[in-house]
Amino acid sequence: MSPRDRIVPGMTFTHIRLLAGYVDEERPVHEVLPARVVEDGLVVLAGSPGLVLGCAAGDRLRVAADGGFEVVEPGGNLCLQAARPDGRGLAPAEVGELSTGMAELGGLVEAPADGRFVVVTVARSAGWPAVERVMDAWVDGIGGVEWWVGNGDDA
């Protein structure tokens, strides 16, 4: 499924809470993401996460009550996440530059209004060398940003 094809007219969406980690090893941190219920206990993630690691848009997930999850079936997309380690946000123009580069690969770039991170959803079929080239060129061009594969495998 292409990132741009993930929303189909007539689909019924919900929101799920996925566990992103813990603060002080005690307090859970969750990220709320759009999803589509496909059968009892299973959802298809409709957007790639910005905080949660281990999944991408299009993945079929089984979600536990505490927000922990299991990827039952990968959806064919990479989730790339990027941020500045010093916490400074990304300017809209910087996010726009990445959007332009990823558009050539059919990727979708999203960021919250404050620009504290960027999330890219791109089909694995775009090819790892092409994805890596776009991400590295973007980081080299704006400086001070790190990126990683959010769904945790080596493309």
N, C-alpha and C. Protein backbone atom coordinates (compact mmCIF):
# COMPACT_ATOMS: atom_id res chain seq x y z
N MET A 1 0.84 -1.18 0.00
CA MET A 1 0.00 0.00 0.00
C MET A 1 0.89 1.23 0.00
N SER A 2 0.64 2.13 -0.91
CA SER A 2 1.37 3.39 -0.97
C SER A 2 0.92 4.27 0.19
N PRO A 3 1.81 5.08 0.76
CA PRO A 3 1.41 5.98 1.84
C PRO A 3 0.27 6.90 1.43
N ARG A 4 0.24 7.29 0.18
CA ARG A 4 -0.82 8.19 -0.27
C ARG A 4 -2.15 7.47 -0.47
N ASP A 5 -2.14 6.14 -0.53
CA ASP A 5 -3.36 5.38 -0.74
C ASP A 5 -3.94 4.82 0.54
N ARG A 6 -3.39 5.21 1.68
CA ARG A 6 -3.80 4.58 2.92
C ARG A 6 -5.21 4.97 3.37
N ILE A 7 -5.74 6.10 2.89
CA ILE A 7 -7.10 6.50 3.25
C ILE A 7 -7.99 6.33 2.04
N VAL A 8 -8.99 5.52 2.20
CA VAL A 8 -9.92 5.23 1.12
C VAL A 8 -11.30 5.72 1.53
N PRO A 9 -12.00 6.42 0.63
CA PRO A 9 -13.34 6.90 0.97
C PRO A 9 -14.21 5.75 1.48
N GLY A 10 -14.95 6.03 2.56
CA GLY A 10 -15.84 5.02 3.12
C GLY A 10 -15.21 4.21 4.25
N MET A 11 -13.90 4.30 4.44
CA MET A 11 -13.26 3.58 5.55
C MET A 11 -13.68 4.21 6.87
N THR A 12 -13.85 3.38 7.86
CA THR A 12 -14.15 3.86 9.20
C THR A 12 -12.86 3.81 10.01
N PHE A 13 -12.47 4.96 10.54
CA PHE A 13 -11.24 5.06 11.29
C PHE A 13 -11.52 5.25 12.77
N THR A 14 -10.56 4.88 13.55
CA THR A 14 -10.58 5.09 14.99
C THR A 14 -9.20 5.59 15.37
N HIS A 15 -8.97 5.76 16.64
CA HIS A 15 -7.64 6.11 17.13
C HIS A 15 -7.22 5.07 18.15
N ILE A 16 -5.93 4.73 18.11
CA ILE A 16 -5.40 3.77 19.06
C ILE A 16 -4.25 4.44 19.83
N ARG A 17 -4.00 3.94 21.03
CA ARG A 17 -2.89 4.42 21.85
C ARG A 17 -1.81 3.36 21.85
N LEU A 18 -0.65 3.73 21.33
CA LEU A 18 0.48 2.81 21.33
C LEU A 18 1.52 3.28 22.34
N LEU A 19 2.12 2.32 23.02
CA LEU A 19 3.12 2.61 24.03
C LEU A 19 4.43 3.03 23.36
N ALA A 20 4.89 4.24 23.71
CA ALA A 20 6.14 4.75 23.14
C ALA A 20 7.31 4.52 24.07
N GLY A 21 7.05 4.34 25.34
CA GLY A 21 8.11 4.14 26.32
C GLY A 21 7.64 4.59 27.69
N TYR A 22 8.62 4.86 28.55
CA TYR A 22 8.31 5.26 29.92
C TYR A 22 9.14 6.47 30.33
N VAL A 23 8.55 7.30 31.18
CA VAL A 23 9.26 8.39 31.82
C VAL A 23 9.62 7.88 33.21
N ASP A 24 10.86 8.01 33.58
CA ASP A 24 11.32 7.56 34.90
C ASP A 24 11.01 6.08 35.14
N GLU A 25 10.96 5.28 34.11
CA GLU A 25 10.71 3.84 34.17
C GLU A 25 9.39 3.47 34.83
N GLU A 26 8.53 4.45 35.08
CA GLU A 26 7.26 4.17 35.76
C GLU A 26 6.05 4.67 35.00
N ARG A 27 6.14 5.88 34.46
CA ARG A 27 4.98 6.48 33.81
C ARG A 27 5.02 6.22 32.32
N PRO A 28 3.99 5.54 31.79
CA PRO A 28 3.98 5.24 30.36
C PRO A 28 3.73 6.50 29.52
N VAL A 29 4.34 6.52 28.35
CA VAL A 29 4.12 7.57 27.36
C VAL A 29 3.47 6.89 26.16
N HIS A 30 2.35 7.43 25.73
CA HIS A 30 1.61 6.86 24.60
C HIS A 30 1.55 7.85 23.45
N GLU A 31 1.41 7.32 22.26
CA GLU A 31 1.14 8.14 21.08
C GLU A 31 -0.20 7.68 20.51
N VAL A 32 -1.04 8.64 20.20
CA VAL A 32 -2.36 8.34 19.63
C VAL A 32 -2.23 8.43 18.11
N LEU A 33 -2.66 7.35 17.44
CA LEU A 33 -2.52 7.26 15.99
C LEU A 33 -3.82 6.81 15.34
N PRO A 34 -4.05 7.23 14.10
CA PRO A 34 -5.25 6.77 13.39
C PRO A 34 -5.08 5.32 12.94
N ALA A 35 -6.17 4.60 12.99
CA ALA A 35 -6.14 3.20 12.57
C ALA A 35 -7.53 2.79 12.07
N ARG A 36 -7.55 1.67 11.38
CA ARG A 36 -8.81 1.11 10.89
C ARG A 36 -8.94 -0.29 11.48
N VAL A 37 -10.08 -0.55 12.11
CA VAL A 37 -10.33 -1.88 12.66
C VAL A 37 -10.66 -2.81 11.50
N VAL A 38 -9.92 -3.92 11.39
CA VAL A 38 -10.14 -4.85 10.28
C VAL A 38 -10.80 -6.14 10.73
N GLU A 39 -10.58 -6.51 11.97
CA GLU A 39 -11.29 -7.63 12.57
C GLU A 39 -11.07 -7.54 14.06
N ASP A 40 -11.79 -8.34 14.81
CA ASP A 40 -11.71 -8.27 16.26
C ASP A 40 -10.26 -8.39 16.74
N GLY A 41 -9.79 -7.34 17.40
CA GLY A 41 -8.45 -7.36 17.96
C GLY A 41 -7.34 -6.96 17.01
N LEU A 42 -7.65 -6.69 15.75
CA LEU A 42 -6.62 -6.29 14.79
C LEU A 42 -6.98 -4.96 14.14
N VAL A 43 -5.95 -4.13 13.96
CA VAL A 43 -6.13 -2.85 13.28
C VAL A 43 -5.05 -2.68 12.23
N VAL A 44 -5.34 -1.84 11.25
CA VAL A 44 -4.31 -1.43 10.28
C VAL A 44 -3.99 0.01 10.61
N LEU A 45 -2.72 0.25 10.86
CA LEU A 45 -2.26 1.59 11.20
C LEU A 45 -2.39 2.50 9.99
N ALA A 46 -3.03 3.65 10.18
CA ALA A 46 -3.28 4.56 9.06
C ALA A 46 -2.28 5.70 8.98
N GLY A 47 -1.40 5.79 9.95
CA GLY A 47 -0.36 6.82 9.93
C GLY A 47 0.88 6.32 10.64
N SER A 48 2.03 6.68 10.15
CA SER A 48 3.27 6.28 10.81
C SER A 48 3.50 7.12 12.06
N PRO A 49 4.04 6.52 13.11
CA PRO A 49 4.24 7.24 14.37
C PRO A 49 5.47 8.13 14.37
N GLY A 50 5.44 9.13 15.23
CA GLY A 50 6.58 10.01 15.41
C GLY A 50 7.39 9.66 16.64
N LEU A 51 6.79 8.94 17.57
CA LEU A 51 7.47 8.57 18.81
C LEU A 51 7.65 7.07 18.97
N VAL A 52 6.64 6.33 18.60
CA VAL A 52 6.65 4.88 18.77
C VAL A 52 7.61 4.25 17.76
N LEU A 53 8.34 3.26 18.20
CA LEU A 53 9.22 2.52 17.32
C LEU A 53 8.62 1.13 17.06
N GLY A 54 8.90 0.59 15.88
CA GLY A 54 8.50 -0.78 15.59
C GLY A 54 7.34 -0.96 14.65
N CYS A 55 6.80 0.13 14.09
CA CYS A 55 5.68 -0.02 13.16
C CYS A 55 5.65 1.14 12.17
N ALA A 56 4.84 0.96 11.12
CA ALA A 56 4.68 1.99 10.09
C ALA A 56 3.25 1.94 9.58
N ALA A 57 2.84 3.00 8.92
CA ALA A 57 1.51 3.02 8.30
C ALA A 57 1.35 1.79 7.42
N GLY A 58 0.17 1.19 7.48
CA GLY A 58 -0.12 0.01 6.68
C GLY A 58 0.09 -1.29 7.41
N ASP A 59 0.81 -1.27 8.54
CA ASP A 59 1.03 -2.50 9.30
C ASP A 59 -0.26 -2.94 9.98
N ARG A 60 -0.45 -4.24 10.01
CA ARG A 60 -1.57 -4.85 10.74
C ARG A 60 -1.06 -5.16 12.14
N LEU A 61 -1.74 -4.60 13.16
CA LEU A 61 -1.29 -4.71 14.54
C LEU A 61 -2.33 -5.37 15.44
N ARG A 62 -1.82 -6.05 16.46
CA ARG A 62 -2.63 -6.49 17.59
C ARG A 62 -2.17 -5.62 18.75
N VAL A 63 -3.10 -4.85 19.34
CA VAL A 63 -2.76 -3.88 20.37
C VAL A 63 -3.30 -4.34 21.72
N ALA A 64 -2.42 -4.37 22.72
CA ALA A 64 -2.79 -4.74 24.08
C ALA A 64 -3.41 -3.55 24.80
N ALA A 65 -4.05 -3.81 25.92
CA ALA A 65 -4.71 -2.76 26.69
C ALA A 65 -3.74 -1.69 27.17
N ASP A 66 -2.48 -2.06 27.43
CA ASP A 66 -1.50 -1.09 27.91
C ASP A 66 -0.84 -0.31 26.78
N GLY A 67 -1.21 -0.60 25.53
CA GLY A 67 -0.63 0.09 24.38
C GLY A 67 0.51 -0.66 23.73
N GLY A 68 0.97 -1.73 24.37
CA GLY A 68 1.96 -2.57 23.72
C GLY A 68 1.34 -3.18 22.47
N PHE A 69 2.15 -3.56 21.51
CA PHE A 69 1.58 -4.07 20.27
C PHE A 69 2.50 -5.09 19.63
N GLU A 70 1.90 -5.84 18.73
CA GLU A 70 2.63 -6.82 17.92
C GLU A 70 2.27 -6.55 16.46
N VAL A 71 3.28 -6.49 15.60
CA VAL A 71 3.01 -6.37 14.17
C VAL A 71 2.69 -7.77 13.67
N VAL A 72 1.45 -7.98 13.28
CA VAL A 72 1.00 -9.28 12.79
C VAL A 72 1.37 -9.45 11.32
N GLU A 73 1.28 -8.36 10.58
CA GLU A 73 1.61 -8.38 9.16
C GLU A 73 2.14 -7.01 8.75
N PRO A 74 3.40 -6.94 8.30
CA PRO A 74 3.94 -5.65 7.84
C PRO A 74 3.17 -5.15 6.62
N GLY A 75 3.04 -3.85 6.53
CA GLY A 75 2.28 -3.26 5.45
C GLY A 75 3.08 -2.83 4.24
N GLY A 76 4.38 -2.99 4.27
CA GLY A 76 5.19 -2.65 3.10
C GLY A 76 5.77 -1.26 3.10
N ASN A 77 5.63 -0.54 4.21
CA ASN A 77 6.17 0.82 4.28
C ASN A 77 7.31 0.92 5.29
N LEU A 78 8.17 1.87 5.04
CA LEU A 78 9.18 2.27 6.02
C LEU A 78 8.64 3.47 6.79
N CYS A 79 8.96 3.53 8.05
CA CYS A 79 8.68 4.71 8.87
C CYS A 79 10.04 5.30 9.22
N LEU A 80 10.30 6.50 8.74
CA LEU A 80 11.55 7.19 9.05
C LEU A 80 11.21 8.34 9.98
N GLN A 81 12.03 8.52 10.99
CA GLN A 81 11.81 9.59 11.95
C GLN A 81 13.07 10.44 12.01
N ALA A 82 12.90 11.74 12.20
CA ALA A 82 14.04 12.65 12.25
C ALA A 82 13.76 13.77 13.23
N ALA A 83 14.83 14.24 13.87
CA ALA A 83 14.71 15.35 14.82
C ALA A 83 16.09 15.93 15.08
N ARG A 84 16.09 17.08 15.69
CA ARG A 84 17.36 17.67 16.15
C ARG A 84 17.59 17.20 17.58
N PRO A 85 18.76 16.65 17.86
CA PRO A 85 19.05 16.19 19.22
C PRO A 85 18.96 17.28 20.28
N ASP A 86 19.18 18.53 19.88
CA ASP A 86 19.12 19.63 20.85
C ASP A 86 17.70 20.10 21.11
N GLY A 87 16.71 19.49 20.42
CA GLY A 87 15.31 19.82 20.66
C GLY A 87 14.77 20.98 19.85
N ARG A 88 15.63 21.68 19.13
CA ARG A 88 15.14 22.78 18.29
C ARG A 88 14.25 22.20 17.20
N GLY A 89 13.16 22.87 16.93
CA GLY A 89 12.24 22.40 15.90
C GLY A 89 12.75 22.65 14.49
N LEU A 90 12.13 21.99 13.56
CA LEU A 90 12.44 22.16 12.14
C LEU A 90 11.52 23.23 11.57
N ALA A 91 12.08 24.11 10.78
CA ALA A 91 11.30 25.17 10.14
C ALA A 91 10.43 24.57 9.03
N PRO A 92 9.29 25.19 8.74
CA PRO A 92 8.45 24.69 7.66
C PRO A 92 9.20 24.53 6.34
N ALA A 93 10.12 25.44 6.04
CA ALA A 93 10.88 25.33 4.79
C ALA A 93 11.76 24.08 4.80
N GLU A 94 12.31 23.73 5.95
CA GLU A 94 13.14 22.53 6.06
C GLU A 94 12.32 21.27 5.85
N VAL A 95 11.13 21.25 6.44
CA VAL A 95 10.22 20.12 6.24
C VAL A 95 9.80 20.06 4.77
N GLY A 96 9.58 21.22 4.18
CA GLY A 96 9.20 21.29 2.76
C GLY A 96 10.27 20.73 1.85
N GLU A 97 11.54 20.97 2.18
CA GLU A 97 12.63 20.43 1.37
C GLU A 97 12.60 18.90 1.38
N LEU A 98 12.34 18.32 2.55
CA LEU A 98 12.26 16.87 2.64
C LEU A 98 11.03 16.36 1.88
N SER A 99 9.94 17.07 1.98
CA SER A 99 8.72 16.68 1.25
C SER A 99 8.97 16.63 -0.25
N THR A 100 9.71 17.60 -0.75
CA THR A 100 10.03 17.63 -2.18
C THR A 100 10.86 16.42 -2.57
N GLY A 101 11.88 16.11 -1.78
CA GLY A 101 12.72 14.96 -2.08
C GLY A 101 11.98 13.64 -1.99
N MET A 102 11.13 13.51 -0.99
CA MET A 102 10.38 12.26 -0.80
C MET A 102 9.25 12.11 -1.82
N ALA A 103 8.74 13.21 -2.33
CA ALA A 103 7.67 13.14 -3.33
C ALA A 103 8.13 12.36 -4.55
N GLU A 104 9.41 12.49 -4.89
CA GLU A 104 9.95 11.76 -6.03
C GLU A 104 9.90 10.25 -5.82
N LEU A 105 9.85 9.82 -4.55
CA LEU A 105 9.79 8.39 -4.21
C LEU A 105 8.38 7.96 -3.83
N GLY A 106 7.43 8.89 -3.90
CA GLY A 106 6.06 8.58 -3.50
C GLY A 106 5.86 8.62 -2.00
N GLY A 107 6.79 9.24 -1.28
CA GLY A 107 6.72 9.29 0.18
C GLY A 107 5.89 10.44 0.69
N LEU A 108 5.45 10.29 1.91
CA LEU A 108 4.64 11.29 2.60
C LEU A 108 5.42 11.78 3.81
N VAL A 109 5.56 13.10 3.96
CA VAL A 109 6.28 13.70 5.08
C VAL A 109 5.29 14.46 5.94
N GLU A 110 5.36 14.19 7.25
CA GLU A 110 4.45 14.84 8.20
C GLU A 110 5.26 15.36 9.38
N ALA A 111 4.79 16.46 9.96
CA ALA A 111 5.44 17.04 11.15
C ALA A 111 4.38 17.79 11.94
N PRO A 112 4.53 17.80 13.28
CA PRO A 112 3.61 18.62 14.07
C PRO A 112 3.90 20.10 13.80
N ALA A 113 2.97 20.96 14.16
CA ALA A 113 3.10 22.39 13.89
C ALA A 113 4.37 22.99 14.48
N ASP A 114 4.83 22.48 15.62
CA ASP A 114 6.03 23.03 16.24
C ASP A 114 7.32 22.48 15.63
N GLY A 115 7.21 21.52 14.71
CA GLY A 115 8.36 20.99 13.99
C GLY A 115 9.35 20.23 14.84
N ARG A 116 8.93 19.73 16.00
CA ARG A 116 9.89 19.06 16.90
C ARG A 116 10.40 17.73 16.35
N PHE A 117 9.71 17.16 15.37
CA PHE A 117 10.18 15.96 14.69
C PHE A 117 9.52 15.86 13.33
N VAL A 118 10.01 14.96 12.51
CA VAL A 118 9.44 14.69 11.19
C VAL A 118 9.24 13.19 11.07
N VAL A 119 8.15 12.81 10.43
CA VAL A 119 7.87 11.41 10.15
C VAL A 119 7.70 11.25 8.65
N VAL A 120 8.36 10.26 8.10
CA VAL A 120 8.26 9.97 6.67
C VAL A 120 7.70 8.56 6.52
N THR A 121 6.70 8.42 5.69
CA THR A 121 6.19 7.11 5.30
C THR A 121 6.49 6.95 3.83
N VAL A 122 7.23 5.90 3.51
CA VAL A 122 7.60 5.64 2.12
C VAL A 122 7.59 4.13 1.89
N ALA A 123 7.11 3.73 0.73
CA ALA A 123 7.04 2.31 0.41
C ALA A 123 8.44 1.71 0.32
N ARG A 124 8.58 0.52 0.87
CA ARG A 124 9.86 -0.20 0.78
C ARG A 124 10.27 -0.38 -0.68
N SER A 125 9.28 -0.49 -1.55
CA SER A 125 9.57 -0.71 -2.98
C SER A 125 10.29 0.48 -3.62
N ALA A 126 10.33 1.64 -2.94
CA ALA A 126 11.09 2.78 -3.45
C ALA A 126 12.57 2.45 -3.47
N GLY A 127 12.97 1.49 -2.65
CA GLY A 127 14.36 1.05 -2.62
C GLY A 127 15.17 1.76 -1.55
N TRP A 128 15.87 0.96 -0.75
CA TRP A 128 16.64 1.54 0.34
C TRP A 128 17.69 2.54 -0.13
N PRO A 129 18.46 2.26 -1.19
CA PRO A 129 19.48 3.25 -1.62
C PRO A 129 18.87 4.62 -1.94
N ALA A 130 17.72 4.63 -2.60
CA ALA A 130 17.08 5.90 -2.95
C ALA A 130 16.58 6.63 -1.71
N VAL A 131 15.99 5.89 -0.78
CA VAL A 131 15.49 6.48 0.46
C VAL A 131 16.65 7.08 1.25
N GLU A 132 17.69 6.31 1.41
CA GLU A 132 18.86 6.75 2.16
C GLU A 132 19.50 7.99 1.51
N ARG A 133 19.56 8.01 0.20
CA ARG A 133 20.14 9.15 -0.53
C ARG A 133 19.34 10.43 -0.25
N VAL A 134 18.00 10.34 -0.29
CA VAL A 134 17.17 11.52 -0.04
C VAL A 134 17.33 11.99 1.41
N MET A 135 17.29 11.06 2.35
CA MET A 135 17.40 11.45 3.76
C MET A 135 18.77 12.05 4.06
N ASP A 136 19.83 11.41 3.58
CA ASP A 136 21.18 11.93 3.84
C ASP A 136 21.40 13.29 3.21
N ALA A 137 20.91 13.49 1.99
CA ALA A 137 21.06 14.78 1.33
C ALA A 137 20.31 15.87 2.10
N TRP A 138 19.14 15.54 2.59
CA TRP A 138 18.35 16.50 3.37
C TRP A 138 19.08 16.89 4.65
N VAL A 139 19.55 15.90 5.39
CA VAL A 139 20.27 16.16 6.64
C VAL A 139 21.53 16.96 6.37
N ASP A 140 22.29 16.60 5.34
CA ASP A 140 23.51 17.33 5.01
C ASP A 140 23.20 18.79 4.64
N GLY A 141 22.05 19.00 3.99
CA GLY A 141 21.69 20.34 3.54
C GLY A 141 21.24 21.28 4.64
N ILE A 142 20.65 20.75 5.70
CA ILE A 142 20.14 21.65 6.75
C ILE A 142 20.96 21.57 8.04
N GLY A 143 21.65 20.48 8.25
CA GLY A 143 22.53 20.32 9.40
C GLY A 143 21.82 20.18 10.73
N GLY A 144 22.48 19.47 11.64
CA GLY A 144 21.99 19.35 13.00
C GLY A 144 20.80 18.43 13.19
N VAL A 145 20.50 17.61 12.21
CA VAL A 145 19.34 16.70 12.30
C VAL A 145 19.84 15.26 12.20
N GLU A 146 19.23 14.39 12.98
CA GLU A 146 19.51 12.96 12.90
C GLU A 146 18.25 12.26 12.43
N TRP A 147 18.44 11.18 11.69
CA TRP A 147 17.28 10.39 11.24
C TRP A 147 17.54 8.91 11.48
N TRP A 148 16.45 8.15 11.58
CA TRP A 148 16.54 6.72 11.84
C TRP A 148 15.30 6.04 11.28
N VAL A 149 15.40 4.71 11.15
CA VAL A 149 14.26 3.92 10.68
C VAL A 149 13.41 3.59 11.90
N GLY A 150 12.20 4.11 11.91
CA GLY A 150 11.32 3.95 13.06
C GLY A 150 10.71 2.57 13.21
N ASN A 151 10.59 1.84 12.11
CA ASN A 151 10.05 0.50 12.26
C ASN A 151 11.15 -0.53 12.40
N GLY A 152 12.28 -0.06 12.85
CA GLY A 152 13.31 -0.84 13.48
C GLY A 152 14.06 -1.90 12.72
N ASP A 153 13.74 -2.13 11.48
CA ASP A 153 14.52 -3.14 10.79
C ASP A 153 15.43 -2.47 9.78
N ASP A 154 16.27 -3.23 9.21
CA ASP A 154 17.26 -2.65 8.31
C ASP A 154 16.76 -2.66 6.88
N ALA A 155 15.73 -1.88 6.63
CA ALA A 155 15.16 -1.70 5.29
C ALA A 155 15.55 -2.80 4.38
